[in-house]
Amino acid sequence: MQGELDDQPFMITFPVDLWVTAVATPSAGPGVRISSAHKVKARRVAELFLRRHGLAARGVTVSVNSPVPEGKGLASSSADIVAVCRALGDLFGIAVSDAELGELACRIEPSDAVMFDHPVAFDYLRGRVLTDPRRRLPVRAVLVDPGGLLDTLGFRRSPYTAAERRLVRQAYQLAMAGLVGGDLAAVGAAATLSAQVNQRRHAKPQLDQLIRICDRLGGVGVCVAHSGVVAAMLFAEAHAAQAERAAQEVVRHLPSAATMCLTSACGEVGS
């Protein structure tokens, strides 16, 4: 979910099992060479990283391999940025903390907290963790892409109304209590509420239909890319059959949409 609490911008993240791979190798002459010319943000953070650590005179070549669709609201740029910084840290023997990754990423653009393998409440403008429940979210997500792209840098939000601020606070409290207590239904309800509040900013025409499909098949809620085009129906991780049926329902009712099944990022919290 995403919103503001007392003018504090935040998002609660949902890391999934898509992984960007970056490899950094020394090269002759100063400067950054990057494998894909359009990875402008990855290049910019590499240059920033080298300057910060007194390595601006060094030359590096960075290759970035990403399965994350771009322009959909899935934090593809944030994932590139984090992978590149970690690759440069490995190359030069520099320990890069999650706090530094968050700060570097937000020097480039508003950022998702993809450096964490579990949900956190994150200030996406300043790169700071606001609350860390330190709990993995055992979720299977049926991602629905209706097509199209969103310019996330050019996208501007409408101010929240007083009623929307109350709903955002309610959703935040519900989500954090659910994460701390392992209550997946509460987390799903919070995601749905946040998605509904976001409709006035960037409407997902398929949202109501996805909520009905999800409810009918035993899902816990629907989340959206608040600055993007995709949505996802959320199911308990063990409910693979229900998630597959939900994907089939989407194909039947929304034939122009693409679907993908993802699970929450694996690994022990803090690994």
C-alpha atoms as a PDB file:
ATOM      1  CA  MET A   1       0.000   0.000   0.000  1.00  0.00           C
ATOM      2  CA  GLN A   2       1.027   3.623  -0.340  1.00  0.00           C
ATOM      3  CA  GLY A   3      -0.031   6.982   1.028  1.00  0.00           C
ATOM      4  CA  GLU A   4       0.709   9.663   3.619  1.00  0.00           C
ATOM      5  CA  LEU A   5       0.380   9.764   7.399  1.00  0.00           C
ATOM      6  CA  ASP A   6       0.478  13.316   8.813  1.00  0.00           C
ATOM      7  CA  ASP A   7       2.270  14.444   5.626  1.00  0.00           C
ATOM      8  CA  GLN A   8       4.790  11.581   5.943  1.00  0.00           C
ATOM      9  CA  PRO A   9       4.866   9.725   2.594  1.00  0.00           C
ATOM     10  CA  PHE A  10       5.206   5.963   2.876  1.00  0.00           C
ATOM     11  CA  MET A  11       4.774   2.685   1.097  1.00  0.00           C
ATOM     12  CA  ILE A  12       4.490  -0.791   2.541  1.00  0.00           C
ATOM     13  CA  THR A  13       6.447  -3.026   0.219  1.00  0.00           C
ATOM     14  CA  PHE A  14       5.716  -6.468  -1.213  1.00  0.00           C
ATOM     15  CA  PRO A  15       8.972  -8.060  -2.428  1.00  0.00           C
ATOM     16  CA  VAL A  16       8.441 -10.888  -4.918  1.00  0.00           C
ATOM     17  CA  ASP A  17      10.559 -13.555  -6.584  1.00  0.00           C
ATOM     18  CA  LEU A  18      11.859 -11.533  -9.528  1.00  0.00           C
ATOM     19  CA  TRP A  19      15.579 -10.821  -9.289  1.00  0.00           C
ATOM     20  CA  VAL A  20      17.821  -8.407 -11.183  1.00  0.00           C
ATOM     21  CA  THR A  21      21.395  -9.559 -11.733  1.00  0.00           C
ATOM     22  CA  ALA A  22      24.197  -7.009 -12.129  1.00  0.00           C
ATOM     23  CA  VAL A  23      27.862  -7.774 -12.780  1.00  0.00           C
ATOM     24  CA  ALA A  24      30.575  -5.128 -12.430  1.00  0.00           C
ATOM     25  CA  THR A  25      34.072  -5.592 -13.886  1.00  0.00           C
ATOM     26  CA  PRO A  26      37.079  -3.247 -14.128  1.00  0.00           C
ATOM     27  CA  SER A  27      37.627  -1.485 -17.436  1.00  0.00           C
ATOM     28  CA  ALA A  28      40.343   0.729 -18.899  1.00  0.00           C
ATOM     29  CA  GLY A  29      39.926   4.469 -18.443  1.00  0.00           C
ATOM     30  CA  PRO A  30      37.632   6.302 -16.024  1.00  0.00           C
ATOM     31  CA  GLY A  31      33.873   6.228 -16.246  1.00  0.00           C
ATOM     32  CA  VAL A  32      30.946   3.810 -16.279  1.00  0.00           C
ATOM     33  CA  ARG A  33      30.077   1.650 -19.252  1.00  0.00           C
ATOM     34  CA  ILE A  34      26.727  -0.085 -19.045  1.00  0.00           C
ATOM     35  CA  SER A  35      25.424  -3.015 -21.057  1.00  0.00           C
ATOM     36  CA  SER A  36      22.073  -1.465 -21.989  1.00  0.00           C
ATOM     37  CA  ALA A  37      22.061   2.163 -23.094  1.00  0.00           C
ATOM     38  CA  HIS A  38      18.513   2.754 -21.838  1.00  0.00           C
ATOM     39  CA  LYS A  39      19.498   1.852 -18.255  1.00  0.00           C
ATOM     40  CA  VAL A  40      20.129   5.527 -17.550  1.00  0.00           C
ATOM     41  CA  LYS A  41      19.281   5.359 -13.839  1.00  0.00           C
ATOM     42  CA  ALA A  42      21.598   2.387 -13.341  1.00  0.00           C
ATOM     43  CA  ARG A  43      24.420   4.395 -14.928  1.00  0.00           C
ATOM     44  CA  ARG A  44      23.664   7.450 -12.802  1.00  0.00           C
ATOM     45  CA  VAL A  45      23.725   5.496  -9.543  1.00  0.00           C
ATOM     46  CA  ALA A  46      26.967   3.774 -10.568  1.00  0.00           C
ATOM     47  CA  GLU A  47      28.582   7.171 -11.147  1.00  0.00           C
ATOM     48  CA  LEU A  48      27.196   8.434  -7.825  1.00  0.00           C
ATOM     49  CA  PHE A  49      28.484   5.342  -6.008  1.00  0.00           C
ATOM     50  CA  LEU A  50      31.998   5.758  -7.436  1.00  0.00           C
ATOM     51  CA  ARG A  51      32.143   9.463  -6.492  1.00  0.00           C
ATOM     52  CA  ARG A  52      30.857   8.774  -2.981  1.00  0.00           C
ATOM     53  CA  HIS A  53      33.539   6.170  -2.317  1.00  0.00           C
ATOM     54  CA  GLY A  54      36.434   8.106  -3.882  1.00  0.00           C
ATOM     55  CA  LEU A  55      36.561   5.893  -6.971  1.00  0.00           C
ATOM     56  CA  ALA A  56      35.585   8.407  -9.680  1.00  0.00           C
ATOM     57  CA  ALA A  57      38.896   7.853 -11.479  1.00  0.00           C
ATOM     58  CA  ARG A  58      38.234   4.130 -11.838  1.00  0.00           C
ATOM     59  CA  GLY A  59      36.674   2.570 -14.895  1.00  0.00           C
ATOM     60  CA  VAL A  60      33.943  -0.076 -14.654  1.00  0.00           C
ATOM     61  CA  THR A  61      31.717  -1.993 -17.012  1.00  0.00           C
ATOM     62  CA  VAL A  62      28.344  -2.988 -15.603  1.00  0.00           C
ATOM     63  CA  SER A  63      25.974  -5.505 -17.159  1.00  0.00           C
ATOM     64  CA  VAL A  64      22.375  -5.604 -15.947  1.00  0.00           C
ATOM     65  CA  ASN A  65      20.016  -8.507 -16.590  1.00  0.00           C
ATOM     66  CA  SER A  66      16.425  -7.942 -15.464  1.00  0.00           C
ATOM     67  CA  PRO A  67      13.235 -10.015 -15.849  1.00  0.00           C
ATOM     68  CA  VAL A  68      11.177  -7.195 -14.294  1.00  0.00           C
ATOM     69  CA  PRO A  69       8.804  -5.555 -16.810  1.00  0.00           C
ATOM     70  CA  GLU A  70       9.532  -1.848 -17.175  1.00  0.00           C
ATOM     71  CA  GLY A  71       7.024   0.996 -16.961  1.00  0.00           C
ATOM     72  CA  LYS A  72       4.447  -1.107 -15.105  1.00  0.00           C
ATOM     73  CA  GLY A  73       4.988   0.075 -11.522  1.00  0.00           C
ATOM     74  CA  LEU A  74       6.970  -3.006 -10.474  1.00  0.00           C
ATOM     75  CA  ALA A  75      10.046  -1.107  -9.232  1.00  0.00           C
ATOM     76  CA  SER A  76      12.218  -2.195 -12.145  1.00  0.00           C
ATOM     77  CA  SER A  77      14.455   0.880 -11.840  1.00  0.00           C
ATOM     78  CA  SER A  78      14.809   0.476  -8.076  1.00  0.00           C
ATOM     79  CA  ALA A  79      15.818  -3.152  -8.573  1.00  0.00           C
ATOM     80  CA  ASP A  80      18.407  -2.136 -11.196  1.00  0.00           C
ATOM     81  CA  ILE A  81      19.812   0.520  -8.870  1.00  0.00           C
ATOM     82  CA  VAL A  82      20.147  -1.824  -5.885  1.00  0.00           C
ATOM     83  CA  ALA A  83      21.696  -4.608  -7.970  1.00  0.00           C
ATOM     84  CA  VAL A  84      24.255  -2.225  -9.505  1.00  0.00           C
ATOM     85  CA  CYS A  85      25.277  -0.815  -6.116  1.00  0.00           C
ATOM     86  CA  ARG A  86      25.685  -4.298  -4.669  1.00  0.00           C
ATOM     87  CA  ALA A  87      27.754  -5.377  -7.687  1.00  0.00           C
ATOM     88  CA  LEU A  88      30.036  -2.349  -7.309  1.00  0.00           C
ATOM     89  CA  GLY A  89      30.345  -3.042  -3.588  1.00  0.00           C
ATOM     90  CA  ASP A  90      31.427  -6.599  -4.338  1.00  0.00           C
ATOM     91  CA  LEU A  91      33.931  -5.420  -6.969  1.00  0.00           C
ATOM     92  CA  PHE A  92      35.635  -2.902  -4.692  1.00  0.00           C
ATOM     93  CA  GLY A  93      35.221  -4.742  -1.383  1.00  0.00           C
ATOM     94  CA  ILE A  94      32.852  -2.150   0.070  1.00  0.00           C
ATOM     95  CA  ALA A  95      30.105  -3.222   2.478  1.00  0.00           C
ATOM     96  CA  VAL A  96      26.938  -1.458   1.297  1.00  0.00           C
ATOM     97  CA  SER A  97      24.242  -1.217   3.964  1.00  0.00           C
ATOM     98  CA  ASP A  98      20.522  -1.250   3.257  1.00  0.00           C
ATOM     99  CA  ALA A  99      20.371   2.299   4.635  1.00  0.00           C
ATOM    100  CA  GLU A 100      22.960   3.472   2.114  1.00  0.00           C
ATOM    101  CA  LEU A 101      21.127   1.673  -0.709  1.00  0.00           C
ATOM    102  CA  GLY A 102      17.899   3.445   0.216  1.00  0.00           C
ATOM    103  CA  GLU A 103      19.582   6.839   0.340  1.00  0.00           C
ATOM    104  CA  LEU A 104      21.437   6.307  -2.960  1.00  0.00           C
ATOM    105  CA  ALA A 105      18.306   5.096  -4.726  1.00  0.00           C
ATOM    106  CA  CYS A 106      16.320   8.139  -3.637  1.00  0.00           C
ATOM    107  CA  ARG A 107      19.077  10.418  -4.900  1.00  0.00           C
ATOM    108  CA  ILE A 108      18.133   9.116  -8.343  1.00  0.00           C
ATOM    109  CA  GLU A 109      14.318   8.948  -8.052  1.00  0.00           C
ATOM    110  CA  PRO A 110      11.517   8.100  -5.588  1.00  0.00           C
ATOM    111  CA  SER A 111      12.339   4.495  -4.792  1.00  0.00           C
ATOM    112  CA  ASP A 112      10.902   1.177  -3.690  1.00  0.00           C
ATOM    113  CA  ALA A 113      12.612  -0.643  -0.808  1.00  0.00           C
ATOM    114  CA  VAL A 114      13.672  -3.648  -2.894  1.00  0.00           C
ATOM    115  CA  MET A 115      16.884  -3.931  -0.876  1.00  0.00           C
ATOM    116  CA  PHE A 116      14.786  -5.668   1.806  1.00  0.00           C
ATOM    117  CA  ASP A 117      13.594  -9.265   1.319  1.00  0.00           C
ATOM    118  CA  HIS A 118      10.511  -8.716   3.512  1.00  0.00           C
ATOM    119  CA  PRO A 119       7.855  -5.992   3.793  1.00  0.00           C
ATOM    120  CA  VAL A 120       8.779  -2.696   5.432  1.00  0.00           C
ATOM    121  CA  ALA A 121       7.132   0.705   5.744  1.00  0.00           C
ATOM    122  CA  PHE A 122       9.423   2.951   3.717  1.00  0.00           C
ATOM    123  CA  ASP A 123       9.742   6.668   2.997  1.00  0.00           C
ATOM    124  CA  TYR A 124      10.102   6.430  -0.770  1.00  0.00           C
ATOM    125  CA  LEU A 125      11.278  10.051  -1.118  1.00  0.00           C
ATOM    126  CA  ARG A 126      14.083   9.982   1.484  1.00  0.00           C
ATOM    127  CA  GLY A 127      14.987   6.306   1.427  1.00  0.00           C
ATOM    128  CA  ARG A 128      14.356   5.679   5.142  1.00  0.00           C
ATOM    129  CA  VAL A 129      12.718   2.686   6.803  1.00  0.00           C
ATOM    130  CA  LEU A 130       9.870   3.906   8.982  1.00  0.00           C
ATOM    131  CA  THR A 131       8.851   0.565  10.498  1.00  0.00           C
ATOM    132  CA  ASP A 132      10.270  -2.917   9.999  1.00  0.00           C
ATOM    133  CA  PRO A 133       7.929  -5.707  11.166  1.00  0.00           C
ATOM    134  CA  ARG A 134      10.721  -8.222  10.353  1.00  0.00           C
ATOM    135  CA  ARG A 135       8.287 -10.777   9.010  1.00  0.00           C
ATOM    136  CA  ARG A 136       8.137 -12.453   5.614  1.00  0.00           C
ATOM    137  CA  LEU A 137       4.759 -12.280   3.873  1.00  0.00           C
ATOM    138  CA  PRO A 138       3.760 -15.791   2.672  1.00  0.00           C
ATOM    139  CA  VAL A 139       1.743 -14.743  -0.365  1.00  0.00           C
ATOM    140  CA  ARG A 140       1.083 -15.985  -3.874  1.00  0.00           C
ATOM    141  CA  ALA A 141       0.163 -13.111  -6.195  1.00  0.00           C
ATOM    142  CA  VAL A 142      -1.688 -13.348  -9.500  1.00  0.00           C
ATOM    143  CA  LEU A 143      -0.334 -10.328 -11.334  1.00  0.00           C
ATOM    144  CA  VAL A 144      -2.656  -8.765 -13.920  1.00  0.00           C
ATOM    145  CA  ASP A 145      -1.237  -6.443 -16.574  1.00  0.00           C
ATOM    146  CA  PRO A 146      -3.931  -4.768 -18.689  1.00  0.00           C
ATOM    147  CA  GLY A 147      -1.303  -3.306 -21.008  1.00  0.00           C
ATOM    148  CA  GLY A 148       0.144   0.142 -21.355  1.00  0.00           C
ATOM    149  CA  LEU A 149       2.888   1.957 -19.488  1.00  0.00           C
ATOM    150  CA  LEU A 150       3.103   4.753 -16.950  1.00  0.00           C
ATOM    151  CA  ASP A 151       5.788   7.442 -16.823  1.00  0.00           C
ATOM    152  CA  THR A 152       6.511   7.095 -13.119  1.00  0.00           C
ATOM    153  CA  LEU A 153       8.751  10.184 -13.043  1.00  0.00           C
ATOM    154  CA  GLY A 154       6.133  12.371 -14.740  1.00  0.00           C
ATOM    155  CA  PHE A 155       3.231  10.980 -12.700  1.00  0.00           C
ATOM    156  CA  ARG A 156       1.798  13.432 -10.160  1.00  0.00           C
ATOM    157  CA  ARG A 157      -0.673  12.614  -7.399  1.00  0.00           C
ATOM    158  CA  SER A 158      -3.758  14.512  -6.314  1.00  0.00           C
ATOM    159  CA  PRO A 159      -3.727  15.653  -2.663  1.00  0.00           C
ATOM    160  CA  TYR A 160      -5.592  13.385  -0.264  1.00  0.00           C
ATOM    161  CA  THR A 161      -8.967  14.519   1.025  1.00  0.00           C
ATOM    162  CA  ALA A 162      -9.714  14.377   4.743  1.00  0.00           C
ATOM    163  CA  ALA A 163     -11.825  11.245   4.209  1.00  0.00           C
ATOM    164  CA  GLU A 164      -9.026   9.596   2.204  1.00  0.00           C
ATOM    165  CA  ARG A 165      -6.500  10.409   4.913  1.00  0.00           C
ATOM    166  CA  ARG A 166      -8.673   8.585   7.437  1.00  0.00           C
ATOM    167  CA  LEU A 167      -8.896   5.562   5.132  1.00  0.00           C
ATOM    168  CA  VAL A 168      -5.137   5.565   4.541  1.00  0.00           C
ATOM    169  CA  ARG A 169      -4.487   5.636   8.293  1.00  0.00           C
ATOM    170  CA  GLN A 170      -6.962   2.797   8.803  1.00  0.00           C
ATOM    171  CA  ALA A 171      -5.281   0.746   6.071  1.00  0.00           C
ATOM    172  CA  TYR A 172      -1.793   1.434   7.451  1.00  0.00           C
ATOM    173  CA  GLN A 173      -2.745   0.365  10.960  1.00  0.00           C
ATOM    174  CA  LEU A 174      -4.466  -2.745   9.616  1.00  0.00           C
ATOM    175  CA  ALA A 175      -1.456  -3.672   7.458  1.00  0.00           C
ATOM    176  CA  MET A 176       1.119  -3.195  10.207  1.00  0.00           C
ATOM    177  CA  ALA A 177      -0.935  -5.144  12.748  1.00  0.00           C
ATOM    178  CA  GLY A 178      -1.375  -7.908  10.181  1.00  0.00           C
ATOM    179  CA  LEU A 179       2.338  -8.053   9.380  1.00  0.00           C
ATOM    180  CA  VAL A 180       3.412  -8.075  13.023  1.00  0.00           C
ATOM    181  CA  GLY A 181       0.809 -10.691  13.944  1.00  0.00           C
ATOM    182  CA  GLY A 182       1.068 -12.811  10.799  1.00  0.00           C
ATOM    183  CA  ASP A 183      -2.564 -12.087   9.908  1.00  0.00           C
ATOM    184  CA  LEU A 184      -2.626 -12.410   6.129  1.00  0.00           C
ATOM    185  CA  ALA A 185      -6.325 -11.532   5.897  1.00  0.00           C
ATOM    186  CA  ALA A 186      -5.663  -8.179   7.577  1.00  0.00           C
ATOM    187  CA  VAL A 187      -2.796  -7.434   5.213  1.00  0.00           C
ATOM    188  CA  GLY A 188      -4.964  -8.304   2.217  1.00  0.00           C
ATOM    189  CA  ALA A 189      -7.814  -6.114   3.459  1.00  0.00           C
ATOM    190  CA  ALA A 190      -5.389  -3.215   3.904  1.00  0.00           C
ATOM    191  CA  ALA A 191      -4.054  -3.691   0.367  1.00  0.00           C
ATOM    192  CA  THR A 192      -7.584  -3.650  -1.067  1.00  0.00           C
ATOM    193  CA  LEU A 193      -8.493  -0.502   0.858  1.00  0.00           C
ATOM    194  CA  SER A 194      -5.345   1.257  -0.330  1.00  0.00           C
ATOM    195  CA  ALA A 195      -6.078   0.193  -3.923  1.00  0.00           C
ATOM    196  CA  GLN A 196      -9.578   1.666  -3.675  1.00  0.00           C
ATOM    197  CA  VAL A 197      -8.270   4.979  -2.310  1.00  0.00           C
ATOM    198  CA  ASN A 198      -5.805   5.102  -5.207  1.00  0.00           C
ATOM    199  CA  GLN A 199      -8.580   4.887  -7.810  1.00  0.00           C
ATOM    200  CA  ARG A 200      -8.990   8.686  -7.837  1.00  0.00           C
ATOM    201  CA  ARG A 201      -5.288   9.053  -8.682  1.00  0.00           C
ATOM    202  CA  HIS A 202      -4.606   6.312 -11.192  1.00  0.00           C
ATOM    203  CA  ALA A 203      -7.696   4.215 -11.735  1.00  0.00           C
ATOM    204  CA  LYS A 204      -7.444   0.517 -12.510  1.00  0.00           C
ATOM    205  CA  PRO A 205     -10.606  -0.165 -14.583  1.00  0.00           C
ATOM    206  CA  GLN A 206     -10.402  -3.871 -13.725  1.00  0.00           C
ATOM    207  CA  LEU A 207     -10.117  -3.390  -9.944  1.00  0.00           C
ATOM    208  CA  ASP A 208     -13.723  -4.168  -8.950  1.00  0.00           C
ATOM    209  CA  GLN A 209     -13.762  -7.274 -11.140  1.00  0.00           C
ATOM    210  CA  LEU A 210     -10.483  -8.504  -9.677  1.00  0.00           C
ATOM    211  CA  ILE A 211     -11.812  -7.988  -6.143  1.00  0.00           C
ATOM    212  CA  ARG A 212     -14.888 -10.086  -6.975  1.00  0.00           C
ATOM    213  CA  ILE A 213     -12.793 -12.886  -8.521  1.00  0.00           C
ATOM    214  CA  CYS A 214     -10.386 -12.845  -5.581  1.00  0.00           C
ATOM    215  CA  ASP A 215     -13.189 -12.948  -2.994  1.00  0.00           C
ATOM    216  CA  ARG A 216     -15.010 -15.773  -4.779  1.00  0.00           C
ATOM    217  CA  LEU A 217     -11.898 -17.962  -4.924  1.00  0.00           C
ATOM    218  CA  GLY A 218     -10.751 -17.418  -1.345  1.00  0.00           C
ATOM    219  CA  GLY A 219      -8.088 -14.771  -1.878  1.00  0.00           C
ATOM    220  CA  VAL A 220      -7.200 -12.269   0.835  1.00  0.00           C
ATOM    221  CA  GLY A 221      -7.191  -9.035  -1.173  1.00  0.00           C
ATOM    222  CA  VAL A 222      -6.036  -7.086  -4.196  1.00  0.00           C
ATOM    223  CA  CYS A 223      -3.051  -4.789  -4.345  1.00  0.00           C
ATOM    224  CA  VAL A 224      -2.075  -2.347  -7.080  1.00  0.00           C
ATOM    225  CA  ALA A 225       0.975  -0.552  -8.333  1.00  0.00           C
ATOM    226  CA  HIS A 226       0.016   2.888  -7.042  1.00  0.00           C
ATOM    227  CA  SER A 227       2.304   4.506  -9.623  1.00  0.00           C
ATOM    228  CA  GLY A 228       1.812   1.908 -12.333  1.00  0.00           C
ATOM    229  CA  VAL A 229      -0.674  -0.065 -14.381  1.00  0.00           C
ATOM    230  CA  VAL A 230      -0.663  -3.527 -12.790  1.00  0.00           C
ATOM    231  CA  ALA A 231      -2.773  -5.094 -10.046  1.00  0.00           C
ATOM    232  CA  ALA A 232      -2.480  -8.431  -8.224  1.00  0.00           C
ATOM    233  CA  MET A 233      -4.887 -10.772  -6.500  1.00  0.00           C
ATOM    234  CA  LEU A 234      -3.351 -12.077  -3.278  1.00  0.00           C
ATOM    235  CA  PHE A 235      -3.687 -15.642  -1.977  1.00  0.00           C
ATOM    236  CA  ALA A 236      -2.129 -17.558   0.860  1.00  0.00           C
ATOM    237  CA  GLU A 237       1.098 -19.116  -0.377  1.00  0.00           C
ATOM    238  CA  ALA A 238      -0.280 -22.646   0.046  1.00  0.00           C
ATOM    239  CA  HIS A 239      -3.332 -21.913  -2.107  1.00  0.00           C
ATOM    240  CA  ALA A 240      -1.695 -22.449  -5.476  1.00  0.00           C
ATOM    241  CA  ALA A 241      -4.769 -24.105  -7.003  1.00  0.00           C
ATOM    242  CA  GLN A 242      -7.021 -21.182  -6.114  1.00  0.00           C
ATOM    243  CA  ALA A 243      -4.474 -18.735  -7.512  1.00  0.00           C
ATOM    244  CA  GLU A 244      -4.307 -20.699 -10.761  1.00  0.00           C
ATOM    245  CA  ARG A 245      -8.097 -20.655 -11.047  1.00  0.00           C
ATOM    246  CA  ALA A 246      -8.054 -16.913 -10.490  1.00  0.00           C
ATOM    247  CA  ALA A 247      -5.562 -16.506 -13.335  1.00  0.00           C
ATOM    248  CA  GLN A 248      -7.845 -18.571 -15.574  1.00  0.00           C
ATOM    249  CA  GLU A 249     -10.809 -16.369 -14.597  1.00  0.00           C
ATOM    250  CA  VAL A 250      -8.857 -13.281 -15.624  1.00  0.00           C
ATOM    251  CA  VAL A 251      -8.029 -14.834 -19.005  1.00  0.00           C
ATOM    252  CA  ARG A 252     -11.711 -15.617 -19.483  1.00  0.00           C
ATOM    253  CA  HIS A 253     -13.100 -12.219 -18.443  1.00  0.00           C
ATOM    254  CA  LEU A 254     -10.202  -9.935 -19.415  1.00  0.00           C
ATOM    255  CA  PRO A 255      -8.744 -11.612 -22.519  1.00  0.00           C
ATOM    256  CA  SER A 256      -6.516  -8.663 -23.403  1.00  0.00           C
ATOM    257  CA  ALA A 257      -4.753  -8.736 -20.018  1.00  0.00           C
ATOM    258  CA  ALA A 258      -1.559 -10.672 -19.328  1.00  0.00           C
ATOM    259  CA  THR A 259      -1.171 -12.657 -16.114  1.00  0.00           C
ATOM    260  CA  MET A 260       1.823 -13.897 -14.124  1.00  0.00           C
ATOM    261  CA  CYS A 261       1.958 -15.847 -10.852  1.00  0.00           C
ATOM    262  CA  LEU A 262       4.564 -14.680  -8.349  1.00  0.00           C
ATOM    263  CA  THR A 263       5.380 -15.583  -4.768  1.00  0.00           C
ATOM    264  CA  SER A 264       6.795 -13.461  -1.997  1.00  0.00           C
ATOM    265  CA  ALA A 265      10.584 -13.248  -1.856  1.00  0.00           C
ATOM    266  CA  CYS A 266      12.049 -16.251  -0.020  1.00  0.00           C
ATOM    267  CA  GLY A 267      14.684 -16.409   2.656  1.00  0.00           C
ATOM    268  CA  GLU A 268      14.856 -15.758   6.371  1.00  0.00           C
ATOM    269  CA  VAL A 269      14.219 -12.194   7.492  1.00  0.00           C
ATOM    270  CA  GLY A 270      17.503 -10.332   7.682  1.00  0.00           C
ATOM    271  CA  SER A 271      19.397 -12.710   5.388  1.00  0.00           C
END
